[in-house]
Amino acid sequence: MQYENISKYKYRLLEDEEFSTGISGIYASTEYLTMYDTGILMCKKHYCWDGASGPTIDTDNTMRASLGHDATYQLIRLGILSQAHREAADKLLRKWLLEDGMTHARAQLWYEGVRAFGGLHT
């Protein structure tokens, strides 16, 4: 995954990044995000996100997960995904953190954090 640091947000994608979400049956496209009815979420080149939130830090094993999670939350804020998809988005965050090498204990803490406070951002 290639990205760069920027000022308003923290990061901007330098290439498209694709996620398998398991959220099927919904198709929508914005300038920087496409949700396919197959469950694939495409974050397009130049999409911006703010990385890790809360009392956490950005590390190599958090970048992809924070991107995917921020994108799913943005789709919820836009009304493309419903509030009912928030729990799935939070579970996906944990899944992507584990896939990228985060320890189970730390990924679980992140999951519990977004479950407790993530609703403030959707």
PDB file of N, CA and C in Angstrom:
ATOM      1  N   MET A   1       0.845  -1.169   0.000  1.00  0.00           N
ATOM      2  CA  MET A   1       0.000   0.000   0.000  1.00  0.00           C
ATOM      3  C   MET A   1       0.891   1.233   0.000  1.00  0.00           C
ATOM      4  N   GLN A   2       0.621   2.179  -0.888  1.00  0.00           N
ATOM      5  CA  GLN A   2       1.403   3.408  -0.954  1.00  0.00           C
ATOM      6  C   GLN A   2       0.533   4.593  -0.557  1.00  0.00           C
ATOM      7  N   TYR A   3       1.071   5.458   0.305  1.00  0.00           N
ATOM      8  CA  TYR A   3       0.362   6.638   0.766  1.00  0.00           C
ATOM      9  C   TYR A   3       1.377   7.690   1.150  1.00  0.00           C
ATOM     10  N   GLU A   4       0.918   8.928   1.351  1.00  0.00           N
ATOM     11  CA  GLU A   4       1.790  10.003   1.785  1.00  0.00           C
ATOM     12  C   GLU A   4       1.139  10.773   2.913  1.00  0.00           C
ATOM     13  N   ASN A   5       1.954  11.431   3.738  1.00  0.00           N
ATOM     14  CA  ASN A   5       1.442  12.291   4.794  1.00  0.00           C
ATOM     15  C   ASN A   5       0.956  13.596   4.180  1.00  0.00           C
ATOM     16  N   ILE A   6      -0.170  14.112   4.688  1.00  0.00           N
ATOM     17  CA  ILE A   6      -0.683  15.409   4.246  1.00  0.00           C
ATOM     18  C   ILE A   6      -1.191  16.160   5.464  1.00  0.00           C
ATOM     19  N   SER A   7      -1.563  17.425   5.284  1.00  0.00           N
ATOM     20  CA  SER A   7      -1.887  18.241   6.450  1.00  0.00           C
ATOM     21  C   SER A   7      -3.326  18.128   6.941  1.00  0.00           C
ATOM     22  N   LYS A   8      -4.356  18.381   6.122  1.00  0.00           N
ATOM     23  CA  LYS A   8      -5.727  18.396   6.628  1.00  0.00           C
ATOM     24  C   LYS A   8      -6.114  17.045   7.210  1.00  0.00           C
ATOM     25  N   TYR A   9      -5.875  15.996   6.461  1.00  0.00           N
ATOM     26  CA  TYR A   9      -5.992  14.643   6.971  1.00  0.00           C
ATOM     27  C   TYR A   9      -4.562  14.236   7.257  1.00  0.00           C
ATOM     28  N   LYS A  10      -4.339  13.019   7.658  1.00  0.00           N
ATOM     29  CA  LYS A  10      -2.962  12.594   7.842  1.00  0.00           C
ATOM     30  C   LYS A  10      -2.381  11.987   6.570  1.00  0.00           C
ATOM     31  N   TYR A  11      -3.222  11.268   5.816  1.00  0.00           N
ATOM     32  CA  TYR A  11      -2.694  10.472   4.712  1.00  0.00           C
ATOM     33  C   TYR A  11      -3.554  10.587   3.460  1.00  0.00           C
ATOM     34  N   ARG A  12      -2.915  10.386   2.305  1.00  0.00           N
ATOM     35  CA  ARG A  12      -3.608  10.330   1.023  1.00  0.00           C
ATOM     36  C   ARG A  12      -3.058   9.135   0.248  1.00  0.00           C
ATOM     37  N   LEU A  13      -3.964   8.313  -0.278  1.00  0.00           N
ATOM     38  CA  LEU A  13      -3.563   7.132  -1.049  1.00  0.00           C
ATOM     39  C   LEU A  13      -2.875   7.533  -2.343  1.00  0.00           C
ATOM     40  N   LEU A  14      -1.849   6.799  -2.691  1.00  0.00           N
ATOM     41  CA  LEU A  14      -1.146   7.027  -3.947  1.00  0.00           C
ATOM     42  C   LEU A  14      -1.525   5.988  -4.992  1.00  0.00           C
ATOM     43  N   GLU A  15      -2.343   5.018  -4.592  1.00  0.00           N
ATOM     44  CA  GLU A  15      -2.847   3.999  -5.514  1.00  0.00           C
ATOM     45  C   GLU A  15      -4.163   3.474  -4.948  1.00  0.00           C
ATOM     46  N   ASP A  16      -4.977   2.858  -5.798  1.00  0.00           N
ATOM     47  CA  ASP A  16      -6.231   2.265  -5.328  1.00  0.00           C
ATOM     48  C   ASP A  16      -5.939   1.161  -4.313  1.00  0.00           C
ATOM     49  N   GLU A  17      -6.823   1.001  -3.347  1.00  0.00           N
ATOM     50  CA  GLU A  17      -6.713  -0.076  -2.350  1.00  0.00           C
ATOM     51  C   GLU A  17      -8.082  -0.742  -2.243  1.00  0.00           C
ATOM     52  N   GLU A  18      -8.093  -2.062  -2.315  1.00  0.00           N
ATOM     53  CA  GLU A  18      -9.332  -2.834  -2.342  1.00  0.00           C
ATOM     54  C   GLU A  18      -9.475  -3.655  -1.068  1.00  0.00           C
ATOM     55  N   PHE A  19     -10.712  -3.718  -0.547  1.00  0.00           N
ATOM     56  CA  PHE A  19     -11.027  -4.472   0.659  1.00  0.00           C
ATOM     57  C   PHE A  19     -12.193  -5.408   0.397  1.00  0.00           C
ATOM     58  N   SER A  20     -12.114  -6.599   0.946  1.00  0.00           N
ATOM     59  CA  SER A  20     -13.247  -7.504   0.935  1.00  0.00           C
ATOM     60  C   SER A  20     -13.984  -7.307   2.257  1.00  0.00           C
ATOM     61  N   THR A  21     -15.257  -6.877   2.171  1.00  0.00           N
ATOM     62  CA  THR A  21     -15.990  -6.537   3.387  1.00  0.00           C
ATOM     63  C   THR A  21     -17.026  -7.577   3.791  1.00  0.00           C
ATOM     64  N   GLY A  22     -17.482  -8.377   2.841  1.00  0.00           N
ATOM     65  CA  GLY A  22     -18.570  -9.295   3.142  1.00  0.00           C
ATOM     66  C   GLY A  22     -19.930  -8.607   3.211  1.00  0.00           C
ATOM     67  N   ILE A  23     -19.962  -7.291   2.991  1.00  0.00           N
ATOM     68  CA  ILE A  23     -21.215  -6.533   2.983  1.00  0.00           C
ATOM     69  C   ILE A  23     -21.689  -6.502   1.533  1.00  0.00           C
ATOM     70  N   SER A  24     -22.599  -7.386   1.191  1.00  0.00           N
ATOM     71  CA  SER A  24     -23.003  -7.502  -0.213  1.00  0.00           C
ATOM     72  C   SER A  24     -24.383  -6.894  -0.454  1.00  0.00           C
ATOM     73  N   GLY A  25     -24.692  -6.705  -1.727  1.00  0.00           N
ATOM     74  CA  GLY A  25     -26.005  -6.215  -2.108  1.00  0.00           C
ATOM     75  C   GLY A  25     -26.134  -4.708  -2.137  1.00  0.00           C
ATOM     76  N   ILE A  26     -25.031  -3.992  -1.950  1.00  0.00           N
ATOM     77  CA  ILE A  26     -25.071  -2.533  -1.953  1.00  0.00           C
ATOM     78  C   ILE A  26     -24.079  -2.040  -2.995  1.00  0.00           C
ATOM     79  N   TYR A  27     -24.555  -1.210  -3.904  1.00  0.00           N
ATOM     80  CA  TYR A  27     -23.644  -0.567  -4.856  1.00  0.00           C
ATOM     81  C   TYR A  27     -23.790   0.940  -4.710  1.00  0.00           C
ATOM     82  N   ALA A  28     -22.652   1.611  -4.566  1.00  0.00           N
ATOM     83  CA  ALA A  28     -22.635   3.071  -4.527  1.00  0.00           C
ATOM     84  C   ALA A  28     -21.229   3.518  -4.887  1.00  0.00           C
ATOM     85  N   SER A  29     -21.151   4.683  -5.483  1.00  0.00           N
ATOM     86  CA  SER A  29     -19.849   5.205  -5.856  1.00  0.00           C
ATOM     87  C   SER A  29     -19.798   6.698  -5.569  1.00  0.00           C
ATOM     88  N   THR A  30     -18.698   7.131  -4.970  1.00  0.00           N
ATOM     89  CA  THR A  30     -18.426   8.548  -4.755  1.00  0.00           C
ATOM     90  C   THR A  30     -17.136   8.849  -5.508  1.00  0.00           C
ATOM     91  N   GLU A  31     -16.665  10.053  -5.381  1.00  0.00           N
ATOM     92  CA  GLU A  31     -15.433  10.422  -6.076  1.00  0.00           C
ATOM     93  C   GLU A  31     -14.262   9.525  -5.670  1.00  0.00           C
ATOM     94  N   TYR A  32     -14.202   9.127  -4.399  1.00  0.00           N
ATOM     95  CA  TYR A  32     -13.038   8.393  -3.906  1.00  0.00           C
ATOM     96  C   TYR A  32     -13.342   7.005  -3.358  1.00  0.00           C
ATOM     97  N   LEU A  33     -14.606   6.627  -3.260  1.00  0.00           N
ATOM     98  CA  LEU A  33     -14.976   5.316  -2.724  1.00  0.00           C
ATOM     99  C   LEU A  33     -15.993   4.649  -3.638  1.00  0.00           C
ATOM    100  N   THR A  34     -15.835   3.350  -3.836  1.00  0.00           N
ATOM    101  CA  THR A  34     -16.866   2.575  -4.518  1.00  0.00           C
ATOM    102  C   THR A  34     -17.137   1.335  -3.695  1.00  0.00           C
ATOM    103  N   MET A  35     -18.403   1.124  -3.393  1.00  0.00           N
ATOM    104  CA  MET A  35     -18.853  -0.085  -2.714  1.00  0.00           C
ATOM    105  C   MET A  35     -19.571  -0.914  -3.762  1.00  0.00           C
ATOM    106  N   TYR A  36     -19.029  -2.093  -4.066  1.00  0.00           N
ATOM    107  CA  TYR A  36     -19.628  -2.974  -5.063  1.00  0.00           C
ATOM    108  C   TYR A  36     -20.599  -3.927  -4.390  1.00  0.00           C
ATOM    109  N   ASP A  37     -21.623  -4.344  -5.130  1.00  0.00           N
ATOM    110  CA  ASP A  37     -22.626  -5.241  -4.554  1.00  0.00           C
ATOM    111  C   ASP A  37     -22.063  -6.613  -4.218  1.00  0.00           C
ATOM    112  N   THR A  38     -20.836  -6.889  -4.633  1.00  0.00           N
ATOM    113  CA  THR A  38     -20.161  -8.144  -4.288  1.00  0.00           C
ATOM    114  C   THR A  38     -19.499  -8.098  -2.910  1.00  0.00           C
ATOM    115  N   GLY A  39     -19.505  -6.906  -2.276  1.00  0.00           N
ATOM    116  CA  GLY A  39     -18.866  -6.755  -0.975  1.00  0.00           C
ATOM    117  C   GLY A  39     -17.472  -6.170  -1.046  1.00  0.00           C
ATOM    118  N   ILE A  40     -17.016  -5.840  -2.245  1.00  0.00           N
ATOM    119  CA  ILE A  40     -15.691  -5.222  -2.396  1.00  0.00           C
ATOM    120  C   ILE A  40     -15.831  -3.714  -2.197  1.00  0.00           C
ATOM    121  N   LEU A  41     -14.948  -3.166  -1.376  1.00  0.00           N
ATOM    122  CA  LEU A  41     -14.859  -1.726  -1.164  1.00  0.00           C
ATOM    123  C   LEU A  41     -13.567  -1.258  -1.813  1.00  0.00           C
ATOM    124  N   MET A  42     -13.679  -0.295  -2.716  1.00  0.00           N
ATOM    125  CA  MET A  42     -12.509   0.271  -3.376  1.00  0.00           C
ATOM    126  C   MET A  42     -12.280   1.677  -2.861  1.00  0.00           C
ATOM    127  N   CYS A  43     -11.119   1.884  -2.251  1.00  0.00           N
ATOM    128  CA  CYS A  43     -10.684   3.228  -1.890  1.00  0.00           C
ATOM    129  C   CYS A  43      -9.787   3.678  -3.038  1.00  0.00           C
ATOM    130  N   LYS A  44     -10.172   4.760  -3.676  1.00  0.00           N
ATOM    131  CA  LYS A  44      -9.499   5.183  -4.895  1.00  0.00           C
ATOM    132  C   LYS A  44      -8.303   6.080  -4.592  1.00  0.00           C
ATOM    133  N   LYS A  45      -7.382   6.084  -5.538  1.00  0.00           N
ATOM    134  CA  LYS A  45      -6.197   6.942  -5.467  1.00  0.00           C
ATOM    135  C   LYS A  45      -6.623   8.357  -5.066  1.00  0.00           C
ATOM    136  N   HIS A  46      -5.880   8.939  -4.144  1.00  0.00           N
ATOM    137  CA  HIS A  46      -6.079  10.284  -3.598  1.00  0.00           C
ATOM    138  C   HIS A  46      -7.118  10.350  -2.478  1.00  0.00           C
ATOM    139  N   TYR A  47      -7.723   9.198  -2.099  1.00  0.00           N
ATOM    140  CA  TYR A  47      -8.610   9.193  -0.935  1.00  0.00           C
ATOM    141  C   TYR A  47      -7.786   9.573   0.297  1.00  0.00           C
ATOM    142  N   CYS A  48      -8.355  10.388   1.166  1.00  0.00           N
ATOM    143  CA  CYS A  48      -7.650  10.847   2.371  1.00  0.00           C
ATOM    144  C   CYS A  48      -8.322  10.284   3.618  1.00  0.00           C
ATOM    145  N   TRP A  49      -7.498   9.968   4.620  1.00  0.00           N
ATOM    146  CA  TRP A  49      -8.014   9.477   5.895  1.00  0.00           C
ATOM    147  C   TRP A  49      -7.066   9.904   6.990  1.00  0.00           C
ATOM    148  N   ASP A  50      -7.504   9.736   8.242  1.00  0.00           N
ATOM    149  CA  ASP A  50      -6.698  10.274   9.344  1.00  0.00           C
ATOM    150  C   ASP A  50      -5.972   9.230  10.175  1.00  0.00           C
ATOM    151  N   GLY A  51      -5.900   8.006   9.693  1.00  0.00           N
ATOM    152  CA  GLY A  51      -5.137   6.990  10.421  1.00  0.00           C
ATOM    153  C   GLY A  51      -5.800   6.613  11.725  1.00  0.00           C
ATOM    154  N   ALA A  52      -4.996   6.188  12.661  1.00  0.00           N
ATOM    155  CA  ALA A  52      -5.489   5.742  13.963  1.00  0.00           C
ATOM    156  C   ALA A  52      -6.099   6.910  14.737  1.00  0.00           C
ATOM    157  N   SER A  53      -7.155   6.609  15.487  1.00  0.00           N
ATOM    158  CA  SER A  53      -7.812   7.624  16.309  1.00  0.00           C
ATOM    159  C   SER A  53      -7.701   7.243  17.780  1.00  0.00           C
ATOM    160  N   GLY A  54      -7.907   8.229  18.627  1.00  0.00           N
ATOM    161  CA  GLY A  54      -7.884   7.956  20.056  1.00  0.00           C
ATOM    162  C   GLY A  54      -6.471   7.834  20.592  1.00  0.00           C
ATOM    163  N   PRO A  55      -6.318   7.142  21.713  1.00  0.00           N
ATOM    164  CA  PRO A  55      -4.997   7.023  22.333  1.00  0.00           C
ATOM    165  C   PRO A  55      -4.178   5.902  21.674  1.00  0.00           C
ATOM    166  N   THR A  56      -4.002   6.005  20.364  1.00  0.00           N
ATOM    167  CA  THR A  56      -3.269   4.998  19.607  1.00  0.00           C
ATOM    168  C   THR A  56      -2.258   5.686  18.707  1.00  0.00           C
ATOM    169  N   ILE A  57      -1.412   4.894  18.092  1.00  0.00           N
ATOM    170  CA  ILE A  57      -0.437   5.439  17.157  1.00  0.00           C
ATOM    171  C   ILE A  57      -0.535   4.689  15.842  1.00  0.00           C
ATOM    172  N   ASP A  58      -0.118   5.359  14.774  1.00  0.00           N
ATOM    173  CA  ASP A  58      -0.071   4.730  13.465  1.00  0.00           C
ATOM    174  C   ASP A  58       1.205   3.893  13.367  1.00  0.00           C
ATOM    175  N   THR A  59       1.034   2.630  13.033  1.00  0.00           N
ATOM    176  CA  THR A  59       2.158   1.737  12.796  1.00  0.00           C
ATOM    177  C   THR A  59       1.901   0.998  11.489  1.00  0.00           C
ATOM    178  N   ASP A  60       2.892   0.294  10.996  1.00  0.00           N
ATOM    179  CA  ASP A  60       2.726  -0.416   9.724  1.00  0.00           C
ATOM    180  C   ASP A  60       1.515  -1.347   9.743  1.00  0.00           C
ATOM    181  N   ASN A  61       1.235  -1.954  10.895  1.00  0.00           N
ATOM    182  CA  ASN A  61       0.124  -2.910  10.923  1.00  0.00           C
ATOM    183  C   ASN A  61      -1.228  -2.258  11.227  1.00  0.00           C
ATOM    184  N   THR A  62      -1.284  -0.924  11.226  1.00  0.00           N
ATOM    185  CA  THR A  62      -2.562  -0.239  11.422  1.00  0.00           C
ATOM    186  C   THR A  62      -3.034   0.538  10.205  1.00  0.00           C
ATOM    187  N   MET A  63      -2.151   0.792   9.270  1.00  0.00           N
ATOM    188  CA  MET A  63      -2.473   1.712   8.175  1.00  0.00           C
ATOM    189  C   MET A  63      -3.628   1.211   7.302  1.00  0.00           C
ATOM    190  N   ARG A  64      -3.548  -0.017   6.829  1.00  0.00           N
ATOM    191  CA  ARG A  64      -4.574  -0.544   5.935  1.00  0.00           C
ATOM    192  C   ARG A  64      -5.914  -0.649   6.669  1.00  0.00           C
ATOM    193  N   ALA A  65      -5.881  -1.151   7.897  1.00  0.00           N
ATOM    194  CA  ALA A  65      -7.115  -1.308   8.666  1.00  0.00           C
ATOM    195  C   ALA A  65      -7.756   0.045   8.963  1.00  0.00           C
ATOM    196  N   SER A  66      -6.952   1.051   9.313  1.00  0.00           N
ATOM    197  CA  SER A  66      -7.524   2.370   9.597  1.00  0.00           C
ATOM    198  C   SER A  66      -8.121   2.971   8.326  1.00  0.00           C
ATOM    199  N   LEU A  67      -7.502   2.719   7.185  1.00  0.00           N
ATOM    200  CA  LEU A  67      -8.053   3.186   5.912  1.00  0.00           C
ATOM    201  C   LEU A  67      -9.421   2.549   5.647  1.00  0.00           C
ATOM    202  N   GLY A  68      -9.483   1.234   5.710  1.00  0.00           N
ATOM    203  CA  GLY A  68     -10.739   0.532   5.442  1.00  0.00           C
ATOM    204  C   GLY A  68     -11.833   0.906   6.423  1.00  0.00           C
ATOM    205  N   HIS A  69     -11.467   1.034   7.691  1.00  0.00           N
ATOM    206  CA  HIS A  69     -12.442   1.391   8.721  1.00  0.00           C
ATOM    207  C   HIS A  69     -12.943   2.823   8.526  1.00  0.00           C
ATOM    208  N   ASP A  70     -12.036   3.752   8.259  1.00  0.00           N
ATOM    209  CA  ASP A  70     -12.462   5.131   8.016  1.00  0.00           C
ATOM    210  C   ASP A  70     -13.387   5.207   6.802  1.00  0.00           C
ATOM    211  N   ALA A  71     -13.086   4.435   5.765  1.00  0.00           N
ATOM    212  CA  ALA A  71     -13.920   4.442   4.558  1.00  0.00           C
ATOM    213  C   ALA A  71     -15.310   3.876   4.848  1.00  0.00           C
ATOM    214  N   THR A  72     -15.391   2.780   5.603  1.00  0.00           N
ATOM    215  CA  THR A  72     -16.710   2.222   5.915  1.00  0.00           C
ATOM    216  C   THR A  72     -17.507   3.188   6.789  1.00  0.00           C
ATOM    217  N   TYR A  73     -16.855   3.831   7.738  1.00  0.00           N
ATOM    218  CA  TYR A  73     -17.562   4.816   8.563  1.00  0.00           C
ATOM    219  C   TYR A  73     -18.027   5.997   7.714  1.00  0.00           C
ATOM    220  N   GLN A  74     -17.229   6.415   6.730  1.00  0.00           N
ATOM    221  CA  GLN A  74     -17.654   7.502   5.851  1.00  0.00           C
ATOM    222  C   GLN A  74     -18.893   7.083   5.066  1.00  0.00           C
ATOM    223  N   LEU A  75     -18.928   5.842   4.602  1.00  0.00           N
ATOM    224  CA  LEU A  75     -20.107   5.359   3.880  1.00  0.00           C
ATOM    225  C   LEU A  75     -21.343   5.337   4.788  1.00  0.00           C
ATOM    226  N   ILE A  76     -21.142   5.082   6.075  1.00  0.00           N
ATOM    227  CA  ILE A  76     -22.257   5.151   7.029  1.00  0.00           C
ATOM    228  C   ILE A  76     -22.715   6.603   7.181  1.00  0.00           C
ATOM    229  N   ARG A  77     -21.755   7.523   7.347  1.00  0.00           N
ATOM    230  CA  ARG A  77     -22.120   8.938   7.488  1.00  0.00           C
ATOM    231  C   ARG A  77     -22.863   9.456   6.259  1.00  0.00           C
ATOM    232  N   LEU A  78     -22.503   8.946   5.080  1.00  0.00           N
ATOM    233  CA  LEU A  78     -23.151   9.365   3.830  1.00  0.00           C
ATOM    234  C   LEU A  78     -24.513   8.705   3.627  1.00  0.00           C
ATOM    235  N   GLY A  79     -24.846   7.728   4.461  1.00  0.00           N
ATOM    236  CA  GLY A  79     -26.115   7.025   4.327  1.00  0.00           C
ATOM    237  C   GLY A  79     -26.088   5.907   3.299  1.00  0.00           C
ATOM    238  N   ILE A  80     -24.925   5.593   2.775  1.00  0.00           N
ATOM    239  CA  ILE A  80     -24.786   4.493   1.811  1.00  0.00           C
ATOM    240  C   ILE A  80     -24.866   3.162   2.545  1.00  0.00           C
ATOM    241  N   LEU A  81     -24.183   3.083   3.668  1.00  0.00           N
ATOM    242  CA  LEU A  81     -24.346   1.954   4.587  1.00  0.00           C
ATOM    243  C   LEU A  81     -25.188   2.452   5.750  1.00  0.00           C
ATOM    244  N   SER A  82     -25.918   1.562   6.373  1.00  0.00           N
ATOM    245  CA  SER A  82     -26.763   1.964   7.498  1.00  0.00           C
ATOM    246  C   SER A  82     -25.981   1.866   8.811  1.00  0.00           C
ATOM    247  N   GLN A  83     -26.535   2.460   9.854  1.00  0.00           N
ATOM    248  CA  GLN A  83     -25.939   2.339  11.191  1.00  0.00           C
ATOM    249  C   GLN A  83     -25.834   0.871  11.598  1.00  0.00           C
ATOM    250  N   ALA A  84     -26.708   0.042  11.051  1.00  0.00           N
ATOM    251  CA  ALA A  84     -26.658  -1.390  11.363  1.00  0.00           C
ATOM    252  C   ALA A  84     -25.361  -2.033  10.863  1.00  0.00           C
ATOM    253  N   HIS A  85     -24.650  -1.385   9.936  1.00  0.00           N
ATOM    254  CA  HIS A  85     -23.388  -1.910   9.421  1.00  0.00           C
ATOM    255  C   HIS A  85     -22.188  -1.527  10.298  1.00  0.00           C
ATOM    256  N   ARG A  86     -22.410  -0.707  11.305  1.00  0.00           N
ATOM    257  CA  ARG A  86     -21.288  -0.248  12.133  1.00  0.00           C
ATOM    258  C   ARG A  86     -20.569  -1.411  12.829  1.00  0.00           C
ATOM    259  N   GLU A  87     -21.306  -2.338  13.385  1.00  0.00           N
ATOM    260  CA  GLU A  87     -20.665  -3.467  14.059  1.00  0.00           C
ATOM    261  C   GLU A  87     -19.832  -4.283  13.077  1.00  0.00           C
ATOM    262  N   ALA A  88     -20.349  -4.499  11.864  1.00  0.00           N
ATOM    263  CA  ALA A  88     -19.580  -5.223  10.845  1.00  0.00           C
ATOM    264  C   ALA A  88     -18.301  -4.467  10.508  1.00  0.00           C
ATOM    265  N   ALA A  89     -18.386  -3.137  10.398  1.00  0.00           N
ATOM    266  CA  ALA A  89     -17.208  -2.320  10.111  1.00  0.00           C
ATOM    267  C   ALA A  89     -16.163  -2.466  11.218  1.00  0.00           C
ATOM    268  N   ASP A  90     -16.619  -2.492  12.460  1.00  0.00           N
ATOM    269  CA  ASP A  90     -15.704  -2.633  13.590  1.00  0.00           C
ATOM    270  C   ASP A  90     -15.054  -4.019  13.612  1.00  0.00           C
ATOM    271  N   LYS A  91     -15.814  -5.045  13.281  1.00  0.00           N
ATOM    272  CA  LYS A  91     -15.247  -6.397  13.199  1.00  0.00           C
ATOM    273  C   LYS A  91     -14.243  -6.500  12.058  1.00  0.00           C
ATOM    274  N   LEU A  92     -14.527  -5.800  10.960  1.00  0.00           N
ATOM    275  CA  LEU A  92     -13.579  -5.783   9.847  1.00  0.00           C
ATOM    276  C   LEU A  92     -12.273  -5.109  10.254  1.00  0.00           C
ATOM    277  N   LEU A  93     -12.366  -4.032  11.034  1.00  0.00           N
ATOM    278  CA  LEU A  93     -11.155  -3.380  11.530  1.00  0.00           C
ATOM    279  C   LEU A  93     -10.283  -4.393  12.251  1.00  0.00           C
ATOM    280  N   ARG A  94     -10.859  -5.138  13.171  1.00  0.00           N
ATOM    281  CA  ARG A  94     -10.090  -6.147  13.934  1.00  0.00           C
ATOM    282  C   ARG A  94      -9.507  -7.202  12.988  1.00  0.00           C
ATOM    283  N   LYS A  95     -10.299  -7.669  12.047  1.00  0.00           N
ATOM    284  CA  LYS A  95      -9.840  -8.680  11.080  1.00  0.00           C
ATOM    285  C   LYS A  95      -8.646  -8.165  10.295  1.00  0.00           C
ATOM    286  N   TRP A  96      -8.732  -6.930   9.778  1.00  0.00           N
ATOM    287  CA  TRP A  96      -7.643  -6.375   8.980  1.00  0.00           C
ATOM    288  C   TRP A  96      -6.393  -6.120   9.827  1.00  0.00           C
ATOM    289  N   LEU A  97      -6.569  -5.701  11.080  1.00  0.00           N
ATOM    290  CA  LEU A  97      -5.420  -5.521  11.984  1.00  0.00           C
ATOM    291  C   LEU A  97      -4.688  -6.838  12.181  1.00  0.00           C
ATOM    292  N   LEU A  98      -5.446  -7.904  12.423  1.00  0.00           N
ATOM    293  CA  LEU A  98      -4.838  -9.223  12.619  1.00  0.00           C
ATOM    294  C   LEU A  98      -4.155  -9.707  11.345  1.00  0.00           C
ATOM    295  N   GLU A  99      -4.787  -9.503  10.194  1.00  0.00           N
ATOM    296  CA  GLU A  99      -4.179  -9.905   8.924  1.00  0.00           C
ATOM    297  C   GLU A  99      -2.846  -9.209   8.686  1.00  0.00           C
ATOM    298  N   ASP A 100      -2.717  -7.981   9.177  1.00  0.00           N
ATOM    299  CA  ASP A 100      -1.495  -7.218   8.957  1.00  0.00           C
ATOM    300  C   ASP A 100      -0.483  -7.363  10.089  1.00  0.00           C
ATOM    301  N   GLY A 101      -0.727  -8.316  10.997  1.00  0.00           N
ATOM    302  CA  GLY A 101       0.297  -8.685  11.966  1.00  0.00           C
ATOM    303  C   GLY A 101       0.164  -8.110  13.363  1.00  0.00           C
ATOM    304  N   MET A 102      -0.921  -7.456  13.662  1.00  0.00           N
ATOM    305  CA  MET A 102      -1.099  -6.948  15.018  1.00  0.00           C
ATOM    306  C   MET A 102      -1.394  -8.120  15.950  1.00  0.00           C
ATOM    307  N   THR A 103      -0.948  -8.008  17.184  1.00  0.00           N
ATOM    308  CA  THR A 103      -1.234  -9.064  18.155  1.00  0.00           C
ATOM    309  C   THR A 103      -2.732  -9.112  18.432  1.00  0.00           C
ATOM    310  N   HIS A 104      -3.210 -10.281  18.803  1.00  0.00           N
ATOM    311  CA  HIS A 104      -4.639 -10.446  19.076  1.00  0.00           C
ATOM    312  C   HIS A 104      -5.070  -9.528  20.220  1.00  0.00           C
ATOM    313  N   ALA A 105      -4.261  -9.418  21.259  1.00  0.00           N
ATOM    314  CA  ALA A 105      -4.630  -8.586  22.408  1.00  0.00           C
ATOM    315  C   ALA A 105      -4.786  -7.119  22.004  1.00  0.00           C
ATOM    316  N   ARG A 106      -3.847  -6.602  21.222  1.00  0.00           N
ATOM    317  CA  ARG A 106      -3.927  -5.197  20.798  1.00  0.00           C
ATOM    318  C   ARG A 106      -5.101  -4.986  19.847  1.00  0.00           C
ATOM    319  N   ALA A 107      -5.316  -5.918  18.915  1.00  0.00           N
ATOM    320  CA  ALA A 107      -6.444  -5.801  17.984  1.00  0.00           C
ATOM    321  C   ALA A 107      -7.772  -5.817  18.745  1.00  0.00           C
ATOM    322  N   GLN A 108      -7.843  -6.621  19.785  1.00  0.00           N
ATOM    323  CA  GLN A 108      -9.063  -6.681  20.591  1.00  0.00           C
ATOM    324  C   GLN A 108      -9.296  -5.359  21.323  1.00  0.00           C
ATOM    325  N   LEU A 109      -8.238  -4.734  21.812  1.00  0.00           N
ATOM    326  CA  LEU A 109      -8.373  -3.420  22.460  1.00  0.00           C
ATOM    327  C   LEU A 109      -8.876  -2.372  21.468  1.00  0.00           C
ATOM    328  N   TRP A 110      -8.354  -2.412  20.258  1.00  0.00           N
ATOM    329  CA  TRP A 110      -8.819  -1.486  19.222  1.00  0.00           C
ATOM    330  C   TRP A 110     -10.309  -1.726  18.958  1.00  0.00           C
ATOM    331  N   TYR A 111     -10.666  -2.995  18.833  1.00  0.00           N
ATOM    332  CA  TYR A 111     -12.067  -3.336  18.572  1.00  0.00           C
ATOM    333  C   TYR A 111     -12.963  -2.816  19.694  1.00  0.00           C
ATOM    334  N   GLU A 112     -12.573  -3.047  20.922  1.00  0.00           N
ATOM    335  CA  GLU A 112     -13.372  -2.578  22.051  1.00  0.00           C
ATOM    336  C   GLU A 112     -13.465  -1.047  22.067  1.00  0.00           C
ATOM    337  N   GLY A 113     -12.386  -0.380  21.668  1.00  0.00           N
ATOM    338  CA  GLY A 113     -12.393   1.075  21.597  1.00  0.00           C
ATOM    339  C   GLY A 113     -13.381   1.606  20.569  1.00  0.00           C
ATOM    340  N   VAL A 114     -13.378   1.016  19.373  1.00  0.00           N
ATOM    341  CA  VAL A 114     -14.317   1.502  18.354  1.00  0.00           C
ATOM    342  C   VAL A 114     -15.750   1.112  18.685  1.00  0.00           C
ATOM    343  N   ARG A 115     -15.942  -0.011  19.360  1.00  0.00           N
ATOM    344  CA  ARG A 115     -17.303  -0.376  19.777  1.00  0.00           C
ATOM    345  C   ARG A 115     -17.814   0.641  20.797  1.00  0.00           C
ATOM    346  N   ALA A 116     -16.937   1.070  21.710  1.00  0.00           N
ATOM    347  CA  ALA A 116     -17.354   1.988  22.759  1.00  0.00           C
ATOM    348  C   ALA A 116     -17.520   3.427  22.260  1.00  0.00           C
ATOM    349  N   PHE A 117     -16.641   3.875  21.372  1.00  0.00           N
ATOM    350  CA  PHE A 117     -16.612   5.290  21.003  1.00  0.00           C
ATOM    351  C   PHE A 117     -16.847   5.578  19.528  1.00  0.00           C
ATOM    352  N   GLY A 118     -16.864   4.561  18.692  1.00  0.00           N
ATOM    353  CA  GLY A 118     -16.984   4.777  17.255  1.00  0.00           C
ATOM    354  C   GLY A 118     -18.304   5.400  16.823  1.00  0.00           C
ATOM    355  N   GLY A 119     -19.350   5.175  17.581  1.00  0.00           N
ATOM    356  CA  GLY A 119     -20.645   5.742  17.228  1.00  0.00           C
ATOM    357  C   GLY A 119     -20.627   7.266  17.163  1.00  0.00           C
ATOM    358  N   LEU A 120     -19.675   7.890  17.838  1.00  0.00           N
ATOM    359  CA  LEU A 120     -19.541   9.337  17.799  1.00  0.00           C
ATOM    360  C   LEU A 120     -19.099   9.827  16.415  1.00  0.00           C
ATOM    361  N   HIS A 121     -18.574   8.906  15.591  1.00  0.00           N
ATOM    362  CA  HIS A 121     -17.992   9.284  14.302  1.00  0.00           C
ATOM    363  C   HIS A 121     -18.800   8.785  13.112  1.00  0.00           C
ATOM    364  N   THR A 122     -19.964   8.186  13.383  1.00  0.00           N
ATOM    365  CA  THR A 122     -20.811   7.751  12.281  1.00  0.00           C
ATOM    366  C   THR A 122     -22.059   8.594  12.245  1.00  0.00           C
TER     367      THR A 122
END
